[in-house]
Amino acid sequence: MQATIPFISLRHILLQVEMRHTTLYIVNGLLLAVSFSIARIYIWFHLVHTYAVYRGLPFIDGFLALPTICSCCTIGFFILNSIWFVKILLLVKRSSKEILNLLKLSKSS
């Protein structure tokens, strides 16, 4: 679950040393988005699928077969992780647009 920490830390360092408009910053953002999607989003589907297969149930029935407290907590964490994932994607999109605008300005001058 902590696969995203190195990318978050590098992003913070790059911001502190004012390297926000670099290729490294963009690549780091993309790697952050990929690692977050795997470590926090995909893993949820994988765990529920594995549990459903273990119980011999379809995916939805496997999720519904979880104890109520597990289902509620799982949904809560999935919603929070989804919100953070959207924020990360928006950050990558904004950073990419800024870099592309800088490249266009440097080519036109």
C-alpha atoms as a PDB file:
ATOM      1  CA  MET A   1       0.000   0.000   0.000  1.00  0.00           C
ATOM      2  CA  GLN A   2       2.928   2.359   0.505  1.00  0.00           C
ATOM      3  CA  ALA A   3       4.111   2.074  -3.088  1.00  0.00           C
ATOM      4  CA  THR A   4       3.106   5.691  -3.701  1.00  0.00           C
ATOM      5  CA  ILE A   5       5.205   7.268  -0.922  1.00  0.00           C
ATOM      6  CA  PRO A   6       8.450   7.619  -2.950  1.00  0.00           C
ATOM      7  CA  PHE A   7       6.575   9.463  -5.698  1.00  0.00           C
ATOM      8  CA  ILE A   8       4.759  11.735  -3.257  1.00  0.00           C
ATOM      9  CA  SER A   9       8.051  12.513  -1.526  1.00  0.00           C
ATOM     10  CA  LEU A  10       9.843  13.229  -4.810  1.00  0.00           C
ATOM     11  CA  ARG A  11       6.996  15.512  -5.876  1.00  0.00           C
ATOM     12  CA  HIS A  12       7.335  17.473  -2.641  1.00  0.00           C
ATOM     13  CA  ILE A  13      11.111  17.752  -3.079  1.00  0.00           C
ATOM     14  CA  LEU A  14      10.725  18.920  -6.690  1.00  0.00           C
ATOM     15  CA  LEU A  15       8.259  21.577  -5.575  1.00  0.00           C
ATOM     16  CA  GLN A  16      10.635  22.761  -2.829  1.00  0.00           C
ATOM     17  CA  VAL A  17      13.541  23.172  -5.252  1.00  0.00           C
ATOM     18  CA  GLU A  18      11.259  24.871  -7.795  1.00  0.00           C
ATOM     19  CA  MET A  19      11.512  22.127 -10.418  1.00  0.00           C
ATOM     20  CA  ARG A  20       7.785  22.033 -11.100  1.00  0.00           C
ATOM     21  CA  HIS A  21       8.224  22.684 -14.824  1.00  0.00           C
ATOM     22  CA  THR A  22      10.525  19.781 -15.592  1.00  0.00           C
ATOM     23  CA  THR A  23      10.142  16.473 -17.357  1.00  0.00           C
ATOM     24  CA  LEU A  24      11.081  14.693 -14.125  1.00  0.00           C
ATOM     25  CA  TYR A  25       8.096  16.291 -12.399  1.00  0.00           C
ATOM     26  CA  ILE A  26       5.731  15.083 -15.157  1.00  0.00           C
ATOM     27  CA  VAL A  27       7.189  11.566 -15.222  1.00  0.00           C
ATOM     28  CA  ASN A  28       6.988  11.416 -11.437  1.00  0.00           C
ATOM     29  CA  GLY A  29       3.321  12.457 -11.588  1.00  0.00           C
ATOM     30  CA  LEU A  30       2.570   9.753 -14.138  1.00  0.00           C
ATOM     31  CA  LEU A  31       4.349   7.122 -12.047  1.00  0.00           C
ATOM     32  CA  LEU A  32       2.451   8.338  -8.981  1.00  0.00           C
ATOM     33  CA  ALA A  33      -0.855   7.922 -10.844  1.00  0.00           C
ATOM     34  CA  VAL A  34       0.077   4.428 -12.072  1.00  0.00           C
ATOM     35  CA  SER A  35       1.337   3.219  -8.690  1.00  0.00           C
ATOM     36  CA  PHE A  36      -1.694   4.701  -6.918  1.00  0.00           C
ATOM     37  CA  SER A  37      -4.082   3.037  -9.345  1.00  0.00           C
ATOM     38  CA  ILE A  38      -2.450  -0.327  -8.762  1.00  0.00           C
ATOM     39  CA  ALA A  39      -1.808  -0.068  -5.010  1.00  0.00           C
ATOM     40  CA  ARG A  40      -5.068   1.599  -4.008  1.00  0.00           C
ATOM     41  CA  ILE A  41      -7.689   1.015  -6.729  1.00  0.00           C
ATOM     42  CA  TYR A  42      -6.919  -2.237  -8.564  1.00  0.00           C
ATOM     43  CA  ILE A  43      -5.989  -4.086  -5.365  1.00  0.00           C
ATOM     44  CA  TRP A  44      -9.549  -3.653  -4.066  1.00  0.00           C
ATOM     45  CA  PHE A  45     -11.022  -5.440  -7.099  1.00  0.00           C
ATOM     46  CA  HIS A  46      -8.343  -8.117  -6.883  1.00  0.00           C
ATOM     47  CA  LEU A  47      -9.015  -8.832  -3.205  1.00  0.00           C
ATOM     48  CA  VAL A  48     -12.796  -9.022  -3.655  1.00  0.00           C
ATOM     49  CA  HIS A  49     -12.369 -11.212  -6.739  1.00  0.00           C
ATOM     50  CA  THR A  50      -9.992 -13.541  -4.888  1.00  0.00           C
ATOM     51  CA  TYR A  51     -12.423 -13.814  -1.964  1.00  0.00           C
ATOM     52  CA  ALA A  52     -15.327 -14.504  -4.354  1.00  0.00           C
ATOM     53  CA  VAL A  53     -13.368 -17.225  -6.160  1.00  0.00           C
ATOM     54  CA  TYR A  54     -12.399 -18.737  -2.790  1.00  0.00           C
ATOM     55  CA  ARG A  55     -16.050 -18.831  -1.788  1.00  0.00           C
ATOM     56  CA  GLY A  56     -17.155 -20.028  -5.255  1.00  0.00           C
ATOM     57  CA  LEU A  57     -19.301 -16.934  -5.841  1.00  0.00           C
ATOM     58  CA  PRO A  58     -19.674 -14.326  -8.569  1.00  0.00           C
ATOM     59  CA  PHE A  59     -17.881 -11.015  -7.913  1.00  0.00           C
ATOM     60  CA  ILE A  60     -20.908  -9.097  -6.575  1.00  0.00           C
ATOM     61  CA  ASP A  61     -22.043 -11.997  -4.408  1.00  0.00           C
ATOM     62  CA  GLY A  62     -18.503 -12.291  -3.076  1.00  0.00           C
ATOM     63  CA  PHE A  63     -18.582  -8.639  -2.052  1.00  0.00           C
ATOM     64  CA  LEU A  64     -22.034  -9.025  -0.490  1.00  0.00           C
ATOM     65  CA  ALA A  65     -20.856 -12.127   1.393  1.00  0.00           C
ATOM     66  CA  LEU A  66     -18.337 -10.036   3.329  1.00  0.00           C
ATOM     67  CA  PRO A  67     -19.329  -9.170   6.890  1.00  0.00           C
ATOM     68  CA  THR A  68     -21.262  -5.875   7.000  1.00  0.00           C
ATOM     69  CA  ILE A  69     -18.518  -3.934   8.794  1.00  0.00           C
ATOM     70  CA  CYS A  70     -15.981  -5.101   6.187  1.00  0.00           C
ATOM     71  CA  SER A  71     -18.268  -4.067   3.324  1.00  0.00           C
ATOM     72  CA  CYS A  72     -18.908  -0.629   4.838  1.00  0.00           C
ATOM     73  CA  CYS A  73     -15.226   0.028   5.533  1.00  0.00           C
ATOM     74  CA  THR A  74     -14.231  -1.283   2.110  1.00  0.00           C
ATOM     75  CA  ILE A  75     -16.702   1.019   0.369  1.00  0.00           C
ATOM     76  CA  GLY A  76     -15.543   3.968   2.499  1.00  0.00           C
ATOM     77  CA  PHE A  77     -11.871   3.425   1.726  1.00  0.00           C
ATOM     78  CA  PHE A  78     -12.621   2.814  -1.947  1.00  0.00           C
ATOM     79  CA  ILE A  79     -14.516   6.113  -2.169  1.00  0.00           C
ATOM     80  CA  LEU A  80     -11.685   8.004  -0.437  1.00  0.00           C
ATOM     81  CA  ASN A  81      -9.057   6.395  -2.665  1.00  0.00           C
ATOM     82  CA  SER A  82     -11.148   7.171  -5.758  1.00  0.00           C
ATOM     83  CA  ILE A  83     -11.362  10.847  -4.755  1.00  0.00           C
ATOM     84  CA  TRP A  84      -7.589  10.997  -4.259  1.00  0.00           C
ATOM     85  CA  PHE A  85      -7.041   9.207  -7.573  1.00  0.00           C
ATOM     86  CA  VAL A  86      -9.142  11.787  -9.427  1.00  0.00           C
ATOM     87  CA  LYS A  87      -7.152  14.566  -7.723  1.00  0.00           C
ATOM     88  CA  ILE A  88      -3.877  12.935  -8.797  1.00  0.00           C
ATOM     89  CA  LEU A  89      -5.109  12.612 -12.391  1.00  0.00           C
ATOM     90  CA  LEU A  90      -6.143  16.282 -12.424  1.00  0.00           C
ATOM     91  CA  LEU A  91      -2.715  17.231 -11.061  1.00  0.00           C
ATOM     92  CA  VAL A  92      -0.970  15.252 -13.811  1.00  0.00           C
ATOM     93  CA  LYS A  93      -3.238  16.789 -16.438  1.00  0.00           C
ATOM     94  CA  ARG A  94      -2.575  20.335 -15.202  1.00  0.00           C
ATOM     95  CA  SER A  95       1.186  19.759 -14.998  1.00  0.00           C
ATOM     96  CA  SER A  96       1.247  18.265 -18.494  1.00  0.00           C
ATOM     97  CA  LYS A  97      -0.636  21.239 -19.924  1.00  0.00           C
ATOM     98  CA  GLU A  98       1.803  23.657 -18.257  1.00  0.00           C
ATOM     99  CA  ILE A  99       4.790  21.829 -19.727  1.00  0.00           C
ATOM    100  CA  LEU A 100       3.199  21.723 -23.190  1.00  0.00           C
ATOM    101  CA  ASN A 101       2.468  25.464 -23.000  1.00  0.00           C
ATOM    102  CA  LEU A 102       6.079  26.169 -22.010  1.00  0.00           C
ATOM    103  CA  LEU A 103       7.327  24.062 -24.919  1.00  0.00           C
ATOM    104  CA  LYS A 104       5.050  25.913 -27.360  1.00  0.00           C
ATOM    105  CA  LEU A 105       6.277  29.275 -26.044  1.00  0.00           C
ATOM    106  CA  SER A 106       9.910  28.275 -26.370  1.00  0.00           C
ATOM    107  CA  LYS A 107       9.407  27.045 -29.943  1.00  0.00           C
ATOM    108  CA  SER A 108       7.604  30.221 -31.032  1.00  0.00           C
ATOM    109  CA  SER A 109      10.316  32.571 -29.703  1.00  0.00           C
END
